[in-house]
Amino acid sequence: MEIIHSENGARVKGEKAVKPGFYSVHAGEKECSRFCVDIPRSELLFRRAGNAQPVEAFKGIRWKAVESTDNLTETVVKDRYGRELYGLFIVLALMLIAVEMVVSRKV
């Protein structure tokens, strides 16, 4: 490493810090300075994926793409399938209570 002295202080020139994290500069046993290295800006800027990229990534999985102009609530209500199960669970709970009452009377 090379230390370059100037009017504003000193700069350390040497190996490139390639991984993000905290680095320390030591002079002998003493820590002289500590600095942080962030991830490259290019890794922070994302491009919007086109329609072909998700299709390729999720090949073999049934899915539906929703356009940004579509009404999401209406699309979900239209495509929802199945039935609600809360009624079934209430009936099962009542049946279990009845069985419990019959068993407890016999004991």
PDB file of N, CA and C in Angstrom:
ATOM      1  N   MET A   1       0.841  -1.184   0.000  1.00  0.00           N
ATOM      2  CA  MET A   1       0.000   0.000   0.000  1.00  0.00           C
ATOM      3  C   MET A   1       0.881   1.241   0.000  1.00  0.00           C
ATOM      4  N   GLU A   2       0.341   2.255  -0.590  1.00  0.00           N
ATOM      5  CA  GLU A   2       1.097   3.501  -0.694  1.00  0.00           C
ATOM      6  C   GLU A   2       0.296   4.614  -0.033  1.00  0.00           C
ATOM      7  N   ILE A   3       0.931   5.429   0.779  1.00  0.00           N
ATOM      8  CA  ILE A   3       0.280   6.566   1.437  1.00  0.00           C
ATOM      9  C   ILE A   3       0.694   7.828   0.698  1.00  0.00           C
ATOM     10  N   ILE A   4      -0.299   8.594   0.222  1.00  0.00           N
ATOM     11  CA  ILE A   4      -0.043   9.823  -0.529  1.00  0.00           C
ATOM     12  C   ILE A   4      -0.446  10.989   0.361  1.00  0.00           C
ATOM     13  N   HIS A   5       0.513  11.830   0.739  1.00  0.00           N
ATOM     14  CA  HIS A   5       0.260  12.982   1.604  1.00  0.00           C
ATOM     15  C   HIS A   5      -0.137  14.188   0.748  1.00  0.00           C
ATOM     16  N   SER A   6      -1.103  14.967   1.247  1.00  0.00           N
ATOM     17  CA  SER A   6      -1.522  16.183   0.551  1.00  0.00           C
ATOM     18  C   SER A   6      -1.889  17.228   1.598  1.00  0.00           C
ATOM     19  N   GLU A   7      -2.373  18.401   1.140  1.00  0.00           N
ATOM     20  CA  GLU A   7      -2.742  19.478   2.064  1.00  0.00           C
ATOM     21  C   GLU A   7      -3.943  19.087   2.930  1.00  0.00           C
ATOM     22  N   ASN A   8      -4.847  18.305   2.355  1.00  0.00           N
ATOM     23  CA  ASN A   8      -6.079  17.922   3.063  1.00  0.00           C
ATOM     24  C   ASN A   8      -5.891  16.709   3.968  1.00  0.00           C
ATOM     25  N   GLY A   9      -4.752  16.078   3.940  1.00  0.00           N
ATOM     26  CA  GLY A   9      -4.540  14.884   4.747  1.00  0.00           C
ATOM     27  C   GLY A   9      -3.754  13.859   3.956  1.00  0.00           C
ATOM     28  N   ALA A  10      -4.073  12.629   4.168  1.00  0.00           N
ATOM     29  CA  ALA A  10      -3.363  11.548   3.481  1.00  0.00           C
ATOM     30  C   ALA A  10      -4.373  10.617   2.822  1.00  0.00           C
ATOM     31  N   ARG A  11      -3.964  10.064   1.707  1.00  0.00           N
ATOM     32  CA  ARG A  11      -4.768   9.067   1.004  1.00  0.00           C
ATOM     33  C   ARG A  11      -3.997   7.766   0.982  1.00  0.00           C
ATOM     34  N   VAL A  12      -4.728   6.689   1.108  1.00  0.00           N
ATOM     35  CA  VAL A  12      -4.106   5.369   1.029  1.00  0.00           C
ATOM     36  C   VAL A  12      -4.431   4.806  -0.339  1.00  0.00           C
ATOM     37  N   LYS A  13      -3.408   4.435  -1.065  1.00  0.00           N
ATOM     38  CA  LYS A  13      -3.593   3.883  -2.402  1.00  0.00           C
ATOM     39  C   LYS A  13      -3.009   2.473  -2.389  1.00  0.00           C
ATOM     40  N   GLY A  14      -3.776   1.540  -2.912  1.00  0.00           N
ATOM     41  CA  GLY A  14      -3.273   0.167  -2.900  1.00  0.00           C
ATOM     42  C   GLY A  14      -4.306  -0.782  -3.452  1.00  0.00           C
ATOM     43  N   GLU A  15      -4.522  -1.853  -2.734  1.00  0.00           N
ATOM     44  CA  GLU A  15      -5.441  -2.883  -3.190  1.00  0.00           C
ATOM     45  C   GLU A  15      -6.864  -2.356  -3.245  1.00  0.00           C
ATOM     46  N   LYS A  16      -7.610  -2.896  -4.184  1.00  0.00           N
ATOM     47  CA  LYS A  16      -8.998  -2.493  -4.363  1.00  0.00           C
ATOM     48  C   LYS A  16      -9.882  -3.323  -3.431  1.00  0.00           C
ATOM     49  N   ALA A  17     -10.782  -2.651  -2.719  1.00  0.00           N
ATOM     50  CA  ALA A  17     -11.738  -3.353  -1.856  1.00  0.00           C
ATOM     51  C   ALA A  17     -12.872  -3.840  -2.740  1.00  0.00           C
ATOM     52  N   VAL A  18     -12.933  -5.148  -2.974  1.00  0.00           N
ATOM     53  CA  VAL A  18     -13.905  -5.680  -3.920  1.00  0.00           C
ATOM     54  C   VAL A  18     -15.200  -6.135  -3.257  1.00  0.00           C
ATOM     55  N   LYS A  19     -15.166  -6.442  -1.969  1.00  0.00           N
ATOM     56  CA  LYS A  19     -16.363  -6.895  -1.274  1.00  0.00           C
ATOM     57  C   LYS A  19     -16.905  -5.768  -0.391  1.00  0.00           C
ATOM     58  N   PRO A  20     -18.252  -5.625  -0.313  1.00  0.00           N
ATOM     59  CA  PRO A  20     -18.821  -4.626   0.581  1.00  0.00           C
ATOM     60  C   PRO A  20     -18.517  -4.978   2.030  1.00  0.00           C
ATOM     61  N   GLY A  21     -18.371  -3.960   2.861  1.00  0.00           N
ATOM     62  CA  GLY A  21     -18.128  -4.191   4.281  1.00  0.00           C
ATOM     63  C   GLY A  21     -17.336  -3.057   4.888  1.00  0.00           C
ATOM     64  N   PHE A  22     -16.849  -3.270   6.102  1.00  0.00           N
ATOM     65  CA  PHE A  22     -16.054  -2.288   6.817  1.00  0.00           C
ATOM     66  C   PHE A  22     -14.591  -2.695   6.758  1.00  0.00           C
ATOM     67  N   TYR A  23     -13.726  -1.742   6.471  1.00  0.00           N
ATOM     68  CA  TYR A  23     -12.300  -1.984   6.374  1.00  0.00           C
ATOM     69  C   TYR A  23     -11.573  -1.062   7.340  1.00  0.00           C
ATOM     70  N   SER A  24     -10.457  -1.538   7.864  1.00  0.00           N
ATOM     71  CA  SER A  24      -9.643  -0.750   8.790  1.00  0.00           C
ATOM     72  C   SER A  24      -8.241  -0.603   8.215  1.00  0.00           C
ATOM     73  N   VAL A  25      -7.627   0.574   8.473  1.00  0.00           N
ATOM     74  CA  VAL A  25      -6.241   0.821   8.091  1.00  0.00           C
ATOM     75  C   VAL A  25      -5.439   0.844   9.381  1.00  0.00           C
ATOM     76  N   HIS A  26      -4.410   0.009   9.456  1.00  0.00           N
ATOM     77  CA  HIS A  26      -3.596  -0.111  10.659  1.00  0.00           C
ATOM     78  C   HIS A  26      -2.180   0.377  10.374  1.00  0.00           C
ATOM     79  N   ALA A  27      -1.599   1.024  11.363  1.00  0.00           N
ATOM     80  CA  ALA A  27      -0.179   1.378  11.344  1.00  0.00           C
ATOM     81  C   ALA A  27       0.435   0.658  12.535  1.00  0.00           C
ATOM     82  N   GLY A  28       1.053  -0.451  12.256  1.00  0.00           N
ATOM     83  CA  GLY A  28       1.559  -1.290  13.338  1.00  0.00           C
ATOM     84  C   GLY A  28       0.379  -1.953  14.036  1.00  0.00           C
ATOM     85  N   GLU A  29       0.274  -1.770  15.327  1.00  0.00           N
ATOM     86  CA  GLU A  29      -0.833  -2.337  16.109  1.00  0.00           C
ATOM     87  C   GLU A  29      -2.008  -1.370  16.228  1.00  0.00           C
ATOM     88  N   LYS A  30      -1.799  -0.119  15.835  1.00  0.00           N
ATOM     89  CA  LYS A  30      -2.809   0.931  16.031  1.00  0.00           C
ATOM     90  C   LYS A  30      -3.695   1.080  14.793  1.00  0.00           C
ATOM     91  N   GLU A  31      -5.006   1.169  15.038  1.00  0.00           N
ATOM     92  CA  GLU A  31      -5.953   1.403  13.949  1.00  0.00           C
ATOM     93  C   GLU A  31      -5.974   2.897  13.647  1.00  0.00           C
ATOM     94  N   CYS A  32      -5.640   3.252  12.413  1.00  0.00           N
ATOM     95  CA  CYS A  32      -5.582   4.664  12.027  1.00  0.00           C
ATOM     96  C   CYS A  32      -6.905   5.166  11.482  1.00  0.00           C
ATOM     97  N   SER A  33      -7.586   4.310  10.751  1.00  0.00           N
ATOM     98  CA  SER A  33      -8.807   4.749  10.089  1.00  0.00           C
ATOM     99  C   SER A  33      -9.687   3.537   9.818  1.00  0.00           C
ATOM    100  N   ARG A  34     -10.966   3.819   9.682  1.00  0.00           N
ATOM    101  CA  ARG A  34     -11.938   2.784   9.329  1.00  0.00           C
ATOM    102  C   ARG A  34     -12.856   3.383   8.269  1.00  0.00           C
ATOM    103  N   PHE A  35     -13.196   2.603   7.254  1.00  0.00           N
ATOM    104  CA  PHE A  35     -14.088   3.099   6.210  1.00  0.00           C
ATOM    105  C   PHE A  35     -15.007   1.989   5.751  1.00  0.00           C
ATOM    106  N   CYS A  36     -16.064   2.397   5.064  1.00  0.00           N
ATOM    107  CA  CYS A  36     -17.105   1.477   4.611  1.00  0.00           C
ATOM    108  C   CYS A  36     -17.083   1.418   3.085  1.00  0.00           C
ATOM    109  N   VAL A  37     -17.273   0.232   2.552  1.00  0.00           N
ATOM    110  CA  VAL A  37     -17.372   0.047   1.107  1.00  0.00           C
ATOM    111  C   VAL A  37     -18.776  -0.474   0.816  1.00  0.00           C
ATOM    112  N   ASP A  38     -19.506   0.240  -0.014  1.00  0.00           N
ATOM    113  CA  ASP A  38     -20.870  -0.152  -0.380  1.00  0.00           C
ATOM    114  C   ASP A  38     -20.857  -1.013  -1.632  1.00  0.00           C
ATOM    115  N   ILE A  39     -22.008  -1.620  -1.901  1.00  0.00           N
ATOM    116  CA  ILE A  39     -22.124  -2.410  -3.122  1.00  0.00           C
ATOM    117  C   ILE A  39     -22.138  -1.458  -4.314  1.00  0.00           C
ATOM    118  N   PRO A  40     -21.727  -1.931  -5.482  1.00  0.00           N
ATOM    119  CA  PRO A  40     -21.710  -1.062  -6.666  1.00  0.00           C
ATOM    120  C   PRO A  40     -23.114  -0.543  -7.009  1.00  0.00           C
ATOM    121  N   ARG A  41     -23.169   0.672  -7.490  1.00  0.00           N
ATOM    122  CA  ARG A  41     -24.451   1.283  -7.858  1.00  0.00           C
ATOM    123  C   ARG A  41     -25.177   0.473  -8.935  1.00  0.00           C
ATOM    124  N   SER A  42     -24.420  -0.189  -9.797  1.00  0.00           N
ATOM    125  CA  SER A  42     -25.044  -0.978 -10.869  1.00  0.00           C
ATOM    126  C   SER A  42     -25.891  -2.115 -10.299  1.00  0.00           C
ATOM    127  N   GLU A  43     -25.587  -2.582  -9.075  1.00  0.00           N
ATOM    128  CA  GLU A  43     -26.375  -3.641  -8.468  1.00  0.00           C
ATOM    129  C   GLU A  43     -27.642  -3.115  -7.807  1.00  0.00           C
ATOM    130  N   LEU A  44     -27.751  -1.808  -7.659  1.00  0.00           N
ATOM    131  CA  LEU A  44     -28.933  -1.207  -7.044  1.00  0.00           C
ATOM    132  C   LEU A  44     -29.992  -0.808  -8.058  1.00  0.00           C
ATOM    133  N   LEU A  45     -29.599  -0.647  -9.301  1.00  0.00           N
ATOM    134  CA  LEU A  45     -30.528  -0.208 -10.340  1.00  0.00           C
ATOM    135  C   LEU A  45     -31.092  -1.432 -11.052  1.00  0.00           C
ATOM    136  N   PHE A  46     -32.400  -1.602 -10.969  1.00  0.00           N
ATOM    137  CA  PHE A  46     -33.027  -2.775 -11.551  1.00  0.00           C
ATOM    138  C   PHE A  46     -33.817  -2.395 -12.790  1.00  0.00           C
ATOM    139  N   ARG A  47     -33.840  -3.316 -13.742  1.00  0.00           N
ATOM    140  CA  ARG A  47     -34.670  -3.140 -14.922  1.00  0.00           C
ATOM    141  C   ARG A  47     -35.956  -3.921 -14.710  1.00  0.00           C
ATOM    142  N   ARG A  48     -37.039  -3.423 -15.261  1.00  0.00           N
ATOM    143  CA  ARG A  48     -38.312  -4.145 -15.200  1.00  0.00           C
ATOM    144  C   ARG A  48     -38.226  -5.343 -16.135  1.00  0.00           C
ATOM    145  N   ALA A  49     -38.628  -6.485 -15.625  1.00  0.00           N
ATOM    146  CA  ALA A  49     -38.586  -7.704 -16.433  1.00  0.00           C
ATOM    147  C   ALA A  49     -39.699  -7.666 -17.467  1.00  0.00           C
ATOM    148  N   GLY A  50     -39.402  -8.119 -18.645  1.00  0.00           N
ATOM    149  CA  GLY A  50     -40.418  -8.206 -19.683  1.00  0.00           C
ATOM    150  C   GLY A  50     -41.288  -9.434 -19.462  1.00  0.00           C
ATOM    151  N   ASN A  51     -42.253  -9.660 -20.330  1.00  0.00           N
ATOM    152  CA  ASN A  51     -43.155 -10.808 -20.183  1.00  0.00           C
ATOM    153  C   ASN A  51     -42.457 -12.132 -20.445  1.00  0.00           C
ATOM    154  N   ALA A  52     -41.419 -12.150 -21.259  1.00  0.00           N
ATOM    155  CA  ALA A  52     -40.748 -13.415 -21.603  1.00  0.00           C
ATOM    156  C   ALA A  52     -39.917 -13.957 -20.440  1.00  0.00           C
ATOM    157  N   GLN A  53     -39.338 -13.080 -19.643  1.00  0.00           N
ATOM    158  CA  GLN A  53     -38.459 -13.527 -18.554  1.00  0.00           C
ATOM    159  C   GLN A  53     -39.208 -14.305 -17.464  1.00  0.00           C
ATOM    160  N   PRO A  54     -40.353 -13.833 -16.954  1.00  0.00           N
ATOM    161  CA  PRO A  54     -41.081 -14.644 -15.970  1.00  0.00           C
ATOM    162  C   PRO A  54     -41.614 -15.943 -16.556  1.00  0.00           C
ATOM    163  N   VAL A  55     -42.009 -15.924 -17.806  1.00  0.00           N
ATOM    164  CA  VAL A  55     -42.512 -17.140 -18.448  1.00  0.00           C
ATOM    165  C   VAL A  55     -41.416 -18.201 -18.439  1.00  0.00           C
ATOM    166  N   GLU A  56     -40.205 -17.805 -18.755  1.00  0.00           N
ATOM    167  CA  GLU A  56     -39.081 -18.745 -18.760  1.00  0.00           C
ATOM    168  C   GLU A  56     -38.730 -19.192 -17.341  1.00  0.00           C
ATOM    169  N   ALA A  57     -38.769 -18.279 -16.389  1.00  0.00           N
ATOM    170  CA  ALA A  57     -38.394 -18.608 -15.011  1.00  0.00           C
ATOM    171  C   ALA A  57     -39.396 -19.543 -14.351  1.00  0.00           C
ATOM    172  N   PHE A  58     -40.675 -19.378 -14.647  1.00  0.00           N
ATOM    173  CA  PHE A  58     -41.718 -20.186 -14.014  1.00  0.00           C
ATOM    174  C   PHE A  58     -42.325 -21.197 -14.983  1.00  0.00           C
ATOM    175  N   LYS A  59     -41.504 -21.718 -15.866  1.00  0.00           N
ATOM    176  CA  LYS A  59     -41.983 -22.703 -16.836  1.00  0.00           C
ATOM    177  C   LYS A  59     -42.522 -23.924 -16.093  1.00  0.00           C
ATOM    178  N   GLY A  60     -43.684 -24.398 -16.485  1.00  0.00           N
ATOM    179  CA  GLY A  60     -44.277 -25.568 -15.849  1.00  0.00           C
ATOM    180  C   GLY A  60     -45.201 -25.236 -14.686  1.00  0.00           C
ATOM    181  N   ILE A  61     -45.271 -23.976 -14.294  1.00  0.00           N
ATOM    182  CA  ILE A  61     -46.154 -23.559 -13.194  1.00  0.00           C
ATOM    183  C   ILE A  61     -47.303 -22.755 -13.791  1.00  0.00           C
ATOM    184  N   ARG A  62     -48.525 -23.070 -13.383  1.00  0.00           N
ATOM    185  CA  ARG A  62     -49.683 -22.317 -13.877  1.00  0.00           C
ATOM    186  C   ARG A  62     -49.728 -20.963 -13.191  1.00  0.00           C
ATOM    187  N   TRP A  63     -49.686 -19.899 -13.970  1.00  0.00           N
ATOM    188  CA  TRP A  63     -49.766 -18.563 -13.422  1.00  0.00           C
ATOM    189  C   TRP A  63     -50.395 -17.641 -14.441  1.00  0.00           C
ATOM    190  N   LYS A  64     -50.832 -16.493 -13.966  1.00  0.00           N
ATOM    191  CA  LYS A  64     -51.484 -15.532 -14.850  1.00  0.00           C
ATOM    192  C   LYS A  64     -50.839 -14.167 -14.654  1.00  0.00           C
ATOM    193  N   ALA A  65     -50.485 -13.530 -15.749  1.00  0.00           N
ATOM    194  CA  ALA A  65     -49.916 -12.191 -15.696  1.00  0.00           C
ATOM    195  C   ALA A  65     -51.050 -11.175 -15.689  1.00  0.00           C
ATOM    196  N   VAL A  66     -50.955 -10.190 -14.822  1.00  0.00           N
ATOM    197  CA  VAL A  66     -51.954  -9.129 -14.736  1.00  0.00           C
ATOM    198  C   VAL A  66     -51.302  -7.855 -15.242  1.00  0.00           C
ATOM    199  N   GLU A  67     -51.896  -7.264 -16.237  1.00  0.00           N
ATOM    200  CA  GLU A  67     -51.367  -6.021 -16.795  1.00  0.00           C
ATOM    201  C   GLU A  67     -51.553  -4.882 -15.790  1.00  0.00           C
ATOM    202  N   SER A  68     -50.698  -3.898 -15.846  1.00  0.00           N
ATOM    203  CA  SER A  68     -50.774  -2.787 -14.894  1.00  0.00           C
ATOM    204  C   SER A  68     -52.031  -1.945 -15.107  1.00  0.00           C
ATOM    205  N   THR A  69     -52.652  -2.047 -16.270  1.00  0.00           N
ATOM    206  CA  THR A  69     -53.866  -1.263 -16.534  1.00  0.00           C
ATOM    207  C   THR A  69     -55.124  -1.966 -16.038  1.00  0.00           C
ATOM    208  N   ASP A  70     -55.012  -3.269 -15.702  1.00  0.00           N
ATOM    209  CA  ASP A  70     -56.181  -4.029 -15.226  1.00  0.00           C
ATOM    210  C   ASP A  70     -56.516  -3.662 -13.786  1.00  0.00           C
ATOM    211  N   ASN A  71     -57.784  -3.812 -13.449  1.00  0.00           N
ATOM    212  CA  ASN A  71     -58.226  -3.614 -12.075  1.00  0.00           C
ATOM    213  C   ASN A  71     -57.908  -4.902 -11.311  1.00  0.00           C
ATOM    214  N   LEU A  72     -56.990  -4.843 -10.360  1.00  0.00           N
ATOM    215  CA  LEU A  72     -56.510  -6.031  -9.665  1.00  0.00           C
ATOM    216  C   LEU A  72     -57.620  -6.708  -8.868  1.00  0.00           C
ATOM    217  N   THR A  73     -58.440  -5.937  -8.164  1.00  0.00           N
ATOM    218  CA  THR A  73     -59.519  -6.511  -7.364  1.00  0.00           C
ATOM    219  C   THR A  73     -60.499  -7.269  -8.248  1.00  0.00           C
ATOM    220  N   GLU A  74     -60.884  -6.666  -9.348  1.00  0.00           N
ATOM    221  CA  GLU A  74     -61.832  -7.300 -10.261  1.00  0.00           C
ATOM    222  C   GLU A  74     -61.243  -8.575 -10.860  1.00  0.00           C
ATOM    223  N   THR A  75     -59.966  -8.553 -11.205  1.00  0.00           N
ATOM    224  CA  THR A  75     -59.309  -9.722 -11.781  1.00  0.00           C
ATOM    225  C   THR A  75     -59.265 -10.876 -10.786  1.00  0.00           C
ATOM    226  N   VAL A  76     -58.944 -10.579  -9.525  1.00  0.00           N
ATOM    227  CA  VAL A  76     -58.872 -11.628  -8.506  1.00  0.00           C
ATOM    228  C   VAL A  76     -60.256 -12.209  -8.236  1.00  0.00           C
ATOM    229  N   VAL A  77     -61.274 -11.354  -8.140  1.00  0.00           N
ATOM    230  CA  VAL A  77     -62.632 -11.840  -7.887  1.00  0.00           C
ATOM    231  C   VAL A  77     -63.099 -12.724  -9.038  1.00  0.00           C
ATOM    232  N   LYS A  78     -62.776 -12.336 -10.266  1.00  0.00           N
ATOM    233  CA  LYS A  78     -63.178 -13.103 -11.438  1.00  0.00           C
ATOM    234  C   LYS A  78     -62.494 -14.472 -11.484  1.00  0.00           C
ATOM    235  N   ASP A  79     -61.232 -14.507 -11.123  1.00  0.00           N
ATOM    236  CA  ASP A  79     -60.450 -15.733 -11.254  1.00  0.00           C
ATOM    237  C   ASP A  79     -60.438 -16.603  -9.996  1.00  0.00           C
ATOM    238  N   ARG A  80     -61.044 -16.140  -8.932  1.00  0.00           N
ATOM    239  CA  ARG A  80     -61.033 -16.912  -7.689  1.00  0.00           C
ATOM    240  C   ARG A  80     -61.871 -18.171  -7.860  1.00  0.00           C
ATOM    241  N   TYR A  81     -61.413 -19.248  -7.300  1.00  0.00           N
ATOM    242  CA  TYR A  81     -62.145 -20.501  -7.397  1.00  0.00           C
ATOM    243  C   TYR A  81     -62.106 -21.195  -6.036  1.00  0.00           C
ATOM    244  N   GLY A  82     -62.896 -22.238  -5.901  1.00  0.00           N
ATOM    245  CA  GLY A  82     -62.944 -22.973  -4.643  1.00  0.00           C
ATOM    246  C   GLY A  82     -64.134 -22.518  -3.813  1.00  0.00           C
ATOM    247  N   ARG A  83     -64.146 -22.937  -2.549  1.00  0.00           N
ATOM    248  CA  ARG A  83     -65.232 -22.520  -1.688  1.00  0.00           C
ATOM    249  C   ARG A  83     -64.680 -22.208  -0.323  1.00  0.00           C
ATOM    250  N   GLU A  84     -65.409 -21.414   0.415  1.00  0.00           N
ATOM    251  CA  GLU A  84     -64.969 -21.040   1.746  1.00  0.00           C
ATOM    252  C   GLU A  84     -65.241 -22.185   2.707  1.00  0.00           C
ATOM    253  N   LEU A  85     -64.344 -22.422   3.609  1.00  0.00           N
ATOM    254  CA  LEU A  85     -64.400 -23.590   4.468  1.00  0.00           C
ATOM    255  C   LEU A  85     -64.882 -23.293   5.892  1.00  0.00           C
ATOM    256  N   TYR A  86     -65.176 -22.045   6.211  1.00  0.00           N
ATOM    257  CA  TYR A  86     -65.528 -21.746   7.602  1.00  0.00           C
ATOM    258  C   TYR A  86     -66.803 -22.468   8.028  1.00  0.00           C
ATOM    259  N   GLY A  87     -67.758 -22.631   7.137  1.00  0.00           N
ATOM    260  CA  GLY A  87     -69.000 -23.336   7.470  1.00  0.00           C
ATOM    261  C   GLY A  87     -68.743 -24.791   7.824  1.00  0.00           C
ATOM    262  N   LEU A  88     -67.866 -25.437   7.070  1.00  0.00           N
ATOM    263  CA  LEU A  88     -67.495 -26.817   7.333  1.00  0.00           C
ATOM    264  C   LEU A  88     -66.842 -26.946   8.709  1.00  0.00           C
ATOM    265  N   PHE A  89     -65.970 -26.013   9.053  1.00  0.00           N
ATOM    266  CA  PHE A  89     -65.298 -26.065  10.351  1.00  0.00           C
ATOM    267  C   PHE A  89     -66.275 -25.829  11.505  1.00  0.00           C
ATOM    268  N   ILE A  90     -67.267 -25.001  11.310  1.00  0.00           N
ATOM    269  CA  ILE A  90     -68.276 -24.778  12.357  1.00  0.00           C
ATOM    270  C   ILE A  90     -69.081 -26.052  12.582  1.00  0.00           C
ATOM    271  N   VAL A  91     -69.478 -26.721  11.503  1.00  0.00           N
ATOM    272  CA  VAL A  91     -70.234 -27.978  11.623  1.00  0.00           C
ATOM    273  C   VAL A  91     -69.384 -29.038  12.315  1.00  0.00           C
ATOM    274  N   LEU A  92     -68.109 -29.153  11.949  1.00  0.00           N
ATOM    275  CA  LEU A  92     -67.228 -30.126  12.593  1.00  0.00           C
ATOM    276  C   LEU A  92     -67.052 -29.818  14.079  1.00  0.00           C
ATOM    277  N   ALA A  93     -66.936 -28.555  14.431  1.00  0.00           N
ATOM    278  CA  ALA A  93     -66.796 -28.182  15.840  1.00  0.00           C
ATOM    279  C   ALA A  93     -68.049 -28.555  16.621  1.00  0.00           C
ATOM    280  N   LEU A  94     -69.234 -28.305  16.043  1.00  0.00           N
ATOM    281  CA  LEU A  94     -70.478 -28.663  16.729  1.00  0.00           C
ATOM    282  C   LEU A  94     -70.601 -30.178  16.886  1.00  0.00           C
ATOM    283  N   MET A  95     -70.181 -30.922  15.866  1.00  0.00           N
ATOM    284  CA  MET A  95     -70.218 -32.390  15.965  1.00  0.00           C
ATOM    285  C   MET A  95     -69.269 -32.886  17.057  1.00  0.00           C
ATOM    286  N   LEU A  96     -68.091 -32.303  17.149  1.00  0.00           N
ATOM    287  CA  LEU A  96     -67.147 -32.708  18.190  1.00  0.00           C
ATOM    288  C   LEU A  96     -67.664 -32.366  19.582  1.00  0.00           C
ATOM    289  N   ILE A  97     -68.348 -31.233  19.728  1.00  0.00           N
ATOM    290  CA  ILE A  97     -68.948 -30.878  21.023  1.00  0.00           C
ATOM    291  C   ILE A  97     -70.016 -31.895  21.392  1.00  0.00           C
ATOM    292  N   ALA A  98     -70.842 -32.293  20.412  1.00  0.00           N
ATOM    293  CA  ALA A  98     -71.899 -33.288  20.681  1.00  0.00           C
ATOM    294  C   ALA A  98     -71.281 -34.633  21.084  1.00  0.00           C
ATOM    295  N   VAL A  99     -70.223 -35.059  20.389  1.00  0.00           N
ATOM    296  CA  VAL A  99     -69.565 -36.331  20.733  1.00  0.00           C
ATOM    297  C   VAL A  99     -68.960 -36.238  22.126  1.00  0.00           C
ATOM    298  N   GLU A 100     -68.374 -35.116  22.450  1.00  0.00           N
ATOM    299  CA  GLU A 100     -67.762 -34.922  23.768  1.00  0.00           C
ATOM    300  C   GLU A 100     -68.835 -34.993  24.869  1.00  0.00           C
ATOM    301  N   MET A 101     -70.000 -34.415  24.623  1.00  0.00           N
ATOM    302  CA  MET A 101     -71.081 -34.436  25.606  1.00  0.00           C
ATOM    303  C   MET A 101     -71.586 -35.872  25.821  1.00  0.00           C
ATOM    304  N   VAL A 102     -71.706 -36.651  24.752  1.00  0.00           N
ATOM    305  CA  VAL A 102     -72.161 -38.040  24.869  1.00  0.00           C
ATOM    306  C   VAL A 102     -71.138 -38.865  25.643  1.00  0.00           C
ATOM    307  N   VAL A 103     -69.871 -38.700  25.331  1.00  0.00           N
ATOM    308  CA  VAL A 103     -68.823 -39.473  25.990  1.00  0.00           C
ATOM    309  C   VAL A 103     -68.728 -39.087  27.472  1.00  0.00           C
ATOM    310  N   SER A 104     -68.845 -37.811  27.798  1.00  0.00           N
ATOM    311  CA  SER A 104     -68.705 -37.368  29.178  1.00  0.00           C
ATOM    312  C   SER A 104     -69.881 -37.843  30.045  1.00  0.00           C
ATOM    313  N   ARG A 105     -71.061 -38.047  29.499  1.00  0.00           N
ATOM    314  CA  ARG A 105     -72.206 -38.530  30.263  1.00  0.00           C
ATOM    315  C   ARG A 105     -72.037 -39.993  30.621  1.00  0.00           C
ATOM    316  N   LYS A 106     -71.393 -40.758  29.746  1.00  0.00           N
ATOM    317  CA  LYS A 106     -71.227 -42.191  29.983  1.00  0.00           C
ATOM    318  C   LYS A 106     -70.151 -42.472  31.025  1.00  0.00           C
ATOM    319  N   VAL A 107     -69.248 -41.579  31.216  1.00  0.00           N
ATOM    320  CA  VAL A 107     -68.132 -41.813  32.145  1.00  0.00           C
ATOM    321  C   VAL A 107     -68.502 -41.487  33.558  1.00  0.00           C
TER     322      VAL A 107
END
